[in-house]
C-alpha atoms as a PDB file:
ATOM      1  CA  MET A   1       0.000   0.000   0.000  1.00  0.00           C
ATOM      2  CA  THR A   2       1.171   3.477  -0.841  1.00  0.00           C
ATOM      3  CA  VAL A   3      -0.062   5.735   1.954  1.00  0.00           C
ATOM      4  CA  GLN A   4      -0.304   9.522   1.837  1.00  0.00           C
ATOM      5  CA  ASP A   5      -0.728  11.369   5.157  1.00  0.00           C
ATOM      6  CA  PRO A   6      -4.088  13.173   5.291  1.00  0.00           C
ATOM      7  CA  PRO A   7      -3.914  16.979   5.466  1.00  0.00           C
ATOM      8  CA  THR A   8      -5.890  18.994   8.036  1.00  0.00           C
ATOM      9  CA  ARG A   9      -8.484  19.667   5.373  1.00  0.00           C
ATOM     10  CA  PRO A  10      -8.526  17.282   2.406  1.00  0.00           C
ATOM     11  CA  ALA A  11      -7.020  18.681  -0.772  1.00  0.00           C
ATOM     12  CA  ALA A  12      -5.769  17.355  -4.062  1.00  0.00           C
ATOM     13  CA  GLU A  13      -2.365  15.741  -3.774  1.00  0.00           C
ATOM     14  CA  ALA A  14       0.485  15.611  -6.237  1.00  0.00           C
ATOM     15  CA  PRO A  15      -0.737  13.904  -9.398  1.00  0.00           C
ATOM     16  CA  VAL A  16       0.213  10.280  -9.859  1.00  0.00           C
ATOM     17  CA  PRO A  17       1.955   9.476 -13.150  1.00  0.00           C
ATOM     18  CA  VAL A  18      -0.600   7.883 -15.455  1.00  0.00           C
ATOM     19  CA  PRO A  19       0.600   5.105 -17.753  1.00  0.00           C
ATOM     20  CA  PRO A  20       0.287   5.837 -21.481  1.00  0.00           C
ATOM     21  CA  ALA A  21      -2.906   4.689 -23.136  1.00  0.00           C
ATOM     22  CA  ILE A  22      -2.599   1.374 -24.944  1.00  0.00           C
ATOM     23  CA  PRO A  23      -4.599   1.172 -28.212  1.00  0.00           C
ATOM     24  CA  ASP A  24      -6.227  -2.062 -29.313  1.00  0.00           C
ATOM     25  CA  ALA A  25      -5.550  -3.828 -32.594  1.00  0.00           C
ATOM     26  CA  ALA A  26      -7.765  -1.329 -34.417  1.00  0.00           C
ATOM     27  CA  GLY A  27      -5.884   1.616 -32.928  1.00  0.00           C
ATOM     28  CA  ALA A  28      -8.714   2.677 -30.613  1.00  0.00           C
ATOM     29  CA  VAL A  29      -8.066   3.436 -26.947  1.00  0.00           C
ATOM     30  CA  ARG A  30     -10.521   1.859 -24.530  1.00  0.00           C
ATOM     31  CA  THR A  31     -11.634   3.977 -21.574  1.00  0.00           C
ATOM     32  CA  GLY A  32     -11.627   1.954 -18.372  1.00  0.00           C
ATOM     33  CA  ALA A  33     -14.560   1.677 -15.971  1.00  0.00           C
ATOM     34  CA  ILE A  34     -14.623   3.396 -12.566  1.00  0.00           C
ATOM     35  CA  THR A  35     -15.963   1.409  -9.609  1.00  0.00           C
ATOM     36  CA  LEU A  36     -16.740   3.080  -6.277  1.00  0.00           C
ATOM     37  CA  VAL A  37     -16.825   0.625  -3.362  1.00  0.00           C
ATOM     38  CA  ARG A  38     -18.131   1.241   0.139  1.00  0.00           C
ATOM     39  CA  HIS A  39     -16.087  -0.208   3.005  1.00  0.00           C
ATOM     40  CA  GLY A  40     -17.112  -3.261   5.037  1.00  0.00           C
ATOM     41  CA  GLU A  41     -19.036  -3.128   8.312  1.00  0.00           C
ATOM     42  CA  PRO A  42     -17.135  -1.173  10.993  1.00  0.00           C
ATOM     43  CA  ALA A  43     -16.447  -2.658  14.409  1.00  0.00           C
ATOM     44  CA  LEU A  44     -17.994   0.222  16.371  1.00  0.00           C
ATOM     45  CA  SER A  45     -21.555  -0.670  17.387  1.00  0.00           C
ATOM     46  CA  ARG A  46     -24.521   1.499  16.428  1.00  0.00           C
ATOM     47  CA  LYS A  47     -26.757  -0.245  18.970  1.00  0.00           C
ATOM     48  CA  CYS A  48     -27.026   2.560  21.504  1.00  0.00           C
ATOM     49  CA  LEU A  49     -28.976   5.738  22.214  1.00  0.00           C
ATOM     50  CA  ILE A  50     -26.868   8.867  22.565  1.00  0.00           C
ATOM     51  CA  THR A  51     -27.163  12.651  22.592  1.00  0.00           C
ATOM     52  CA  ALA A  52     -26.005  14.937  19.793  1.00  0.00           C
ATOM     53  CA  ARG A  53     -22.942  15.839  21.830  1.00  0.00           C
ATOM     54  CA  GLN A  54     -22.146  12.161  22.415  1.00  0.00           C
ATOM     55  CA  TYR A  55     -22.598  11.510  18.701  1.00  0.00           C
ATOM     56  CA  GLY A  56     -19.686  13.864  18.014  1.00  0.00           C
ATOM     57  CA  ASP A  57     -17.503  11.639  20.215  1.00  0.00           C
ATOM     58  CA  TRP A  58     -18.952   8.490  18.645  1.00  0.00           C
ATOM     59  CA  TRP A  59     -18.159   9.746  15.129  1.00  0.00           C
ATOM     60  CA  ALA A  60     -14.579  10.580  16.137  1.00  0.00           C
ATOM     61  CA  LYS A  61     -14.114   6.959  17.261  1.00  0.00           C
ATOM     62  CA  TYR A  62     -15.797   5.693  14.085  1.00  0.00           C
ATOM     63  CA  GLU A  63     -13.351   7.666  11.927  1.00  0.00           C
ATOM     64  CA  VAL A  64     -10.304   5.974  13.495  1.00  0.00           C
ATOM     65  CA  GLY A  65     -11.827   2.510  13.892  1.00  0.00           C
ATOM     66  CA  GLY A  66     -11.482  -0.545  11.703  1.00  0.00           C
ATOM     67  CA  LEU A  67     -13.756  -3.344  10.542  1.00  0.00           C
ATOM     68  CA  ARG A  68     -15.756  -5.825  12.552  1.00  0.00           C
ATOM     69  CA  ALA A  69     -13.894  -9.131  12.615  1.00  0.00           C
ATOM     70  CA  GLY A  70     -15.003 -12.167  10.619  1.00  0.00           C
ATOM     71  CA  GLN A  71     -16.134 -10.503   7.370  1.00  0.00           C
ATOM     72  CA  THR A  72     -15.392 -11.860   3.911  1.00  0.00           C
ATOM     73  CA  PRO A  73     -15.420  -9.767   0.722  1.00  0.00           C
ATOM     74  CA  PRO A  74     -18.193 -10.862  -1.659  1.00  0.00           C
ATOM     75  CA  PRO A  75     -17.066 -12.841  -4.728  1.00  0.00           C
ATOM     76  CA  GLU A  76     -18.300 -10.169  -7.135  1.00  0.00           C
ATOM     77  CA  LEU A  77     -16.080  -7.591  -5.450  1.00  0.00           C
ATOM     78  CA  LEU A  78     -13.078  -9.920  -5.618  1.00  0.00           C
ATOM     79  CA  ALA A  79     -13.704 -10.313  -9.347  1.00  0.00           C
ATOM     80  CA  ALA A  80     -13.840  -6.527  -9.766  1.00  0.00           C
ATOM     81  CA  VAL A  81     -10.532  -6.163  -7.911  1.00  0.00           C
ATOM     82  CA  GLU A  82      -8.922  -8.812 -10.096  1.00  0.00           C
ATOM     83  CA  GLY A  83      -9.905  -6.886 -13.222  1.00  0.00           C
ATOM     84  CA  ALA A  84      -8.822  -3.471 -11.919  1.00  0.00           C
ATOM     85  CA  GLY A  85      -5.644  -1.902 -13.241  1.00  0.00           C
ATOM     86  CA  ALA A  86      -5.521   0.791 -10.554  1.00  0.00           C
ATOM     87  CA  ILE A  87      -6.817   0.642  -6.977  1.00  0.00           C
ATOM     88  CA  TYR A  88      -7.297   3.549  -4.566  1.00  0.00           C
ATOM     89  CA  ALA A  89      -8.489   3.750  -0.960  1.00  0.00           C
ATOM     90  CA  SER A  90      -9.384   6.402   1.580  1.00  0.00           C
ATOM     91  CA  THR A  91      -6.924   6.892   4.447  1.00  0.00           C
ATOM     92  CA  ARG A  92      -9.558   5.896   7.029  1.00  0.00           C
ATOM     93  CA  PRO A  93      -8.807   2.506   8.668  1.00  0.00           C
ATOM     94  CA  ARG A  94     -12.172   1.004   7.713  1.00  0.00           C
ATOM     95  CA  ALA A  95     -11.472   1.721   4.035  1.00  0.00           C
ATOM     96  CA  MET A  96      -7.856   0.568   4.165  1.00  0.00           C
ATOM     97  CA  GLU A  97      -8.818  -2.688   5.903  1.00  0.00           C
ATOM     98  CA  THR A  98     -11.518  -3.270   3.290  1.00  0.00           C
ATOM     99  CA  ALA A  99      -8.962  -2.724   0.529  1.00  0.00           C
ATOM    100  CA  THR A 100      -6.526  -5.149   2.179  1.00  0.00           C
ATOM    101  CA  ALA A 101      -9.222  -7.818   2.628  1.00  0.00           C
ATOM    102  CA  ALA A 102     -10.300  -7.583  -1.005  1.00  0.00           C
ATOM    103  CA  SER A 103      -7.000  -6.786  -2.720  1.00  0.00           C
ATOM    104  CA  GLY A 104      -4.491  -8.901  -0.826  1.00  0.00           C
ATOM    105  CA  ALA A 105      -0.977  -8.078  -1.981  1.00  0.00           C
ATOM    106  CA  ARG A 106      -2.104  -5.759  -4.801  1.00  0.00           C
ATOM    107  CA  ASP A 107      -0.675  -2.237  -4.768  1.00  0.00           C
ATOM    108  CA  VAL A 108      -3.225   0.228  -3.398  1.00  0.00           C
ATOM    109  CA  ARG A 109      -2.734   3.995  -3.415  1.00  0.00           C
ATOM    110  CA  VAL A 110      -4.189   5.326  -0.144  1.00  0.00           C
ATOM    111  CA  ASP A 111      -5.218   8.965  -0.485  1.00  0.00           C
ATOM    112  CA  ALA A 112      -6.980  11.430   1.842  1.00  0.00           C
ATOM    113  CA  LEU A 113      -8.772  12.807  -1.205  1.00  0.00           C
ATOM    114  CA  PHE A 114     -11.308   9.976  -0.780  1.00  0.00           C
ATOM    115  CA  ILE A 115     -12.192  10.301   2.941  1.00  0.00           C
ATOM    116  CA  GLU A 116     -15.827  10.676   3.995  1.00  0.00           C
ATOM    117  CA  ALA A 117     -17.529  14.053   4.083  1.00  0.00           C
ATOM    118  CA  PRO A 118     -17.819  15.144   7.741  1.00  0.00           C
ATOM    119  CA  LEU A 119     -20.871  14.589   9.949  1.00  0.00           C
ATOM    120  CA  PRO A 120     -20.894  17.366  12.569  1.00  0.00           C
ATOM    121  CA  PRO A 121     -24.070  17.005  14.668  1.00  0.00           C
ATOM    122  CA  PRO A 122     -26.370  19.971  15.318  1.00  0.00           C
ATOM    123  CA  SER A 123     -26.434  21.495  18.796  1.00  0.00           C
ATOM    124  CA  LEU A 124     -29.550  19.919  20.276  1.00  0.00           C
ATOM    125  CA  PRO A 125     -30.553  19.419  23.931  1.00  0.00           C
ATOM    126  CA  ASP A 126     -29.361  16.305  25.742  1.00  0.00           C
ATOM    127  CA  PHE A 127     -32.870  14.960  26.337  1.00  0.00           C
ATOM    128  CA  ILE A 128     -32.966  14.084  22.627  1.00  0.00           C
ATOM    129  CA  LYS A 129     -31.364  10.683  22.186  1.00  0.00           C
ATOM    130  CA  LEU A 130     -31.082   8.720  18.952  1.00  0.00           C
ATOM    131  CA  SER A 131     -29.066   5.805  17.641  1.00  0.00           C
ATOM    132  CA  PRO A 132     -25.853   6.690  15.749  1.00  0.00           C
ATOM    133  CA  LYS A 133     -27.602   5.603  12.545  1.00  0.00           C
ATOM    134  CA  TRP A 134     -30.294   8.272  12.933  1.00  0.00           C
ATOM    135  CA  TRP A 135     -27.878  10.896  14.209  1.00  0.00           C
ATOM    136  CA  GLY A 136     -25.980  10.285  10.973  1.00  0.00           C
ATOM    137  CA  VAL A 137     -29.121  11.119   8.986  1.00  0.00           C
ATOM    138  CA  VAL A 138     -29.784  14.260  11.052  1.00  0.00           C
ATOM    139  CA  ALA A 139     -26.150  15.379  10.886  1.00  0.00           C
ATOM    140  CA  ARG A 140     -25.958  14.822   7.121  1.00  0.00           C
ATOM    141  CA  ILE A 141     -29.079  16.902   6.488  1.00  0.00           C
ATOM    142  CA  TRP A 142     -27.796  19.585   8.863  1.00  0.00           C
ATOM    143  CA  TRP A 143     -24.369  19.673   7.180  1.00  0.00           C
ATOM    144  CA  HIS A 144     -25.839  19.602   3.676  1.00  0.00           C
ATOM    145  CA  TRP A 145     -28.376  22.395   4.050  1.00  0.00           C
ATOM    146  CA  SER A 146     -26.802  24.693   6.631  1.00  0.00           C
ATOM    147  CA  ASP A 147     -23.477  26.473   6.856  1.00  0.00           C
ATOM    148  CA  ARG A 148     -22.867  25.173  10.400  1.00  0.00           C
ATOM    149  CA  HIS A 149     -19.982  22.768  10.061  1.00  0.00           C
ATOM    150  CA  HIS A 150     -18.118  23.152  13.383  1.00  0.00           C
ATOM    151  CA  GLN A 151     -14.935  24.323  11.622  1.00  0.00           C
ATOM    152  CA  GLN A 152     -14.842  21.134   9.577  1.00  0.00           C
ATOM    153  CA  GLU A 153     -15.010  20.774   5.811  1.00  0.00           C
ATOM    154  CA  THR A 154     -18.017  22.603   4.365  1.00  0.00           C
ATOM    155  CA  ARG A 155     -20.375  21.220   1.753  1.00  0.00           C
ATOM    156  CA  ALA A 156     -18.865  23.559  -0.859  1.00  0.00           C
ATOM    157  CA  GLU A 157     -15.361  22.364   0.001  1.00  0.00           C
ATOM    158  CA  ALA A 158     -16.454  18.723  -0.140  1.00  0.00           C
ATOM    159  CA  GLU A 159     -18.009  19.288  -3.565  1.00  0.00           C
ATOM    160  CA  VAL A 160     -14.720  20.713  -4.819  1.00  0.00           C
ATOM    161  CA  ARG A 161     -12.917  17.681  -3.395  1.00  0.00           C
ATOM    162  CA  ALA A 162     -15.411  15.320  -5.051  1.00  0.00           C
ATOM    163  CA  GLU A 163     -14.729  16.973  -8.412  1.00  0.00           C
ATOM    164  CA  GLN A 164     -10.982  16.641  -7.831  1.00  0.00           C
ATOM    165  CA  ALA A 165     -11.433  12.959  -6.960  1.00  0.00           C
ATOM    166  CA  ALA A 166     -13.555  12.370 -10.065  1.00  0.00           C
ATOM    167  CA  GLN A 167     -10.905  13.949 -12.294  1.00  0.00           C
ATOM    168  CA  VAL A 168      -8.155  11.792 -10.765  1.00  0.00           C
ATOM    169  CA  LEU A 169     -10.193   8.677 -11.543  1.00  0.00           C
ATOM    170  CA  ILE A 170     -11.181   9.833 -15.032  1.00  0.00           C
ATOM    171  CA  GLU A 171      -7.564  10.542 -15.916  1.00  0.00           C
ATOM    172  CA  ARG A 172      -6.514   7.088 -14.775  1.00  0.00           C
ATOM    173  CA  ALA A 173      -9.405   5.404 -16.626  1.00  0.00           C
ATOM    174  CA  ALA A 174      -8.451   7.296 -19.793  1.00  0.00           C
ATOM    175  CA  SER A 175      -5.301   5.152 -19.970  1.00  0.00           C
ATOM    176  CA  GLY A 176      -7.499   2.110 -20.517  1.00  0.00           C
ATOM    177  CA  GLN A 177      -7.301   0.775 -16.958  1.00  0.00           C
ATOM    178  CA  ASP A 178     -10.351  -0.152 -14.924  1.00  0.00           C
ATOM    179  CA  VAL A 179     -10.166   1.873 -11.703  1.00  0.00           C
ATOM    180  CA  LEU A 180     -11.516   0.836  -8.301  1.00  0.00           C
ATOM    181  CA  VAL A 181     -11.828   2.949  -5.146  1.00  0.00           C
ATOM    182  CA  PHE A 182     -12.475   1.779  -1.574  1.00  0.00           C
ATOM    183  CA  ALA A 183     -14.113   4.710   0.179  1.00  0.00           C
ATOM    184  CA  HIS A 184     -17.335   5.806   1.878  1.00  0.00           C
ATOM    185  CA  GLY A 185     -21.055   5.919   1.226  1.00  0.00           C
ATOM    186  CA  TYR A 186     -21.824   9.626   1.003  1.00  0.00           C
ATOM    187  CA  PHE A 187     -18.561  10.736  -0.562  1.00  0.00           C
ATOM    188  CA  ASN A 188     -18.909   7.979  -3.167  1.00  0.00           C
ATOM    189  CA  HIS A 189     -22.347   9.440  -3.892  1.00  0.00           C
ATOM    190  CA  MET A 190     -20.791  12.883  -4.358  1.00  0.00           C
ATOM    191  CA  VAL A 191     -18.086  11.527  -6.674  1.00  0.00           C
ATOM    192  CA  GLY A 192     -20.706   9.577  -8.616  1.00  0.00           C
ATOM    193  CA  ARG A 193     -22.676  12.784  -9.211  1.00  0.00           C
ATOM    194  CA  ARG A 194     -19.552  14.436 -10.621  1.00  0.00           C
ATOM    195  CA  LEU A 195     -18.894  11.460 -12.877  1.00  0.00           C
ATOM    196  CA  LYS A 196     -22.446  11.659 -14.240  1.00  0.00           C
ATOM    197  CA  ALA A 197     -22.020  15.394 -14.821  1.00  0.00           C
ATOM    198  CA  ASP A 198     -18.881  14.601 -16.816  1.00  0.00           C
ATOM    199  CA  GLY A 199     -20.707  12.159 -19.078  1.00  0.00           C
ATOM    200  CA  TRP A 200     -20.310   8.863 -17.231  1.00  0.00           C
ATOM    201  CA  ARG A 201     -23.136   6.349 -16.890  1.00  0.00           C
ATOM    202  CA  LEU A 202     -23.985   4.184 -13.841  1.00  0.00           C
ATOM    203  CA  VAL A 203     -24.060   0.659 -15.290  1.00  0.00           C
ATOM    204  CA  HIS A 204     -24.000  -1.467 -12.135  1.00  0.00           C
ATOM    205  CA  ASP A 205     -25.593  -0.364  -8.878  1.00  0.00           C
ATOM    206  CA  GLN A 206     -25.498  -2.286  -5.586  1.00  0.00           C
ATOM    207  CA  GLY A 207     -26.643   0.705  -3.554  1.00  0.00           C
ATOM    208  CA  PHE A 208     -24.740   1.947  -0.516  1.00  0.00           C
ATOM    209  CA  LYS A 209     -24.657  -1.071   1.795  1.00  0.00           C
ATOM    210  CA  TYR A 210     -21.380  -2.337   3.212  1.00  0.00           C
ATOM    211  CA  TRP A 211     -19.077  -3.910   0.590  1.00  0.00           C
ATOM    212  CA  SER A 212     -21.305  -2.600  -2.212  1.00  0.00           C
ATOM    213  CA  GLN A 213     -20.029  -1.311  -5.536  1.00  0.00           C
ATOM    214  CA  ARG A 214     -21.280   1.185  -8.108  1.00  0.00           C
ATOM    215  CA  ARG A 215     -19.627   0.970 -11.531  1.00  0.00           C
ATOM    216  CA  TYR A 216     -19.531   3.801 -14.059  1.00  0.00           C
ATOM    217  CA  GLN A 217     -18.597   3.761 -17.739  1.00  0.00           C
ATOM    218  CA  ARG A 218     -18.053   6.571 -20.191  1.00  0.00           C
ATOM    219  CA  ALA A 219     -21.339   7.187 -22.013  1.00  0.00           C
END
């Protein structure tokens, strides 16, 4: 694994040299597919009721935690990894462990460009208690529609990062390699929107469950 240290706020890193495009027998250059994969199930339990303030602490632990033990990558994902010419992963442990489980000894470029968009909870009274799953929904809506981000990455900044991530993947796919990324549910959604805006088509959709993949091809 090639690991890049994450900056304080995610930003585009030095570009990775892209191999020259290899034409087929007819002289045409094939554009590779781009597959966005969500990580496996994290070890940190969501089976609890907590306050908004406690959710901030819970999310901090989630961000540095790994996967629940005993999981096996699905066969379809293993097949996608085998066919990929370039593999990327977020710097978060849950994404890196997913990449290791599915990719084995393959070279994986680990880049902070692909980390999850933040989930700062709103300031709500402590008598309101929800599970981390529902706090995630509330925090995502709050982050998406308001400008209250607790000094973390804003929605506008995350959208810029998603466009940067999409361009990194498009450039790599332009060489003819299939590209695969191990990252996170919402940020994968944001990157997927940028790919569609740039003329890519969603051709295989497993949703956003753990270990799921969404594959895009140039339209």
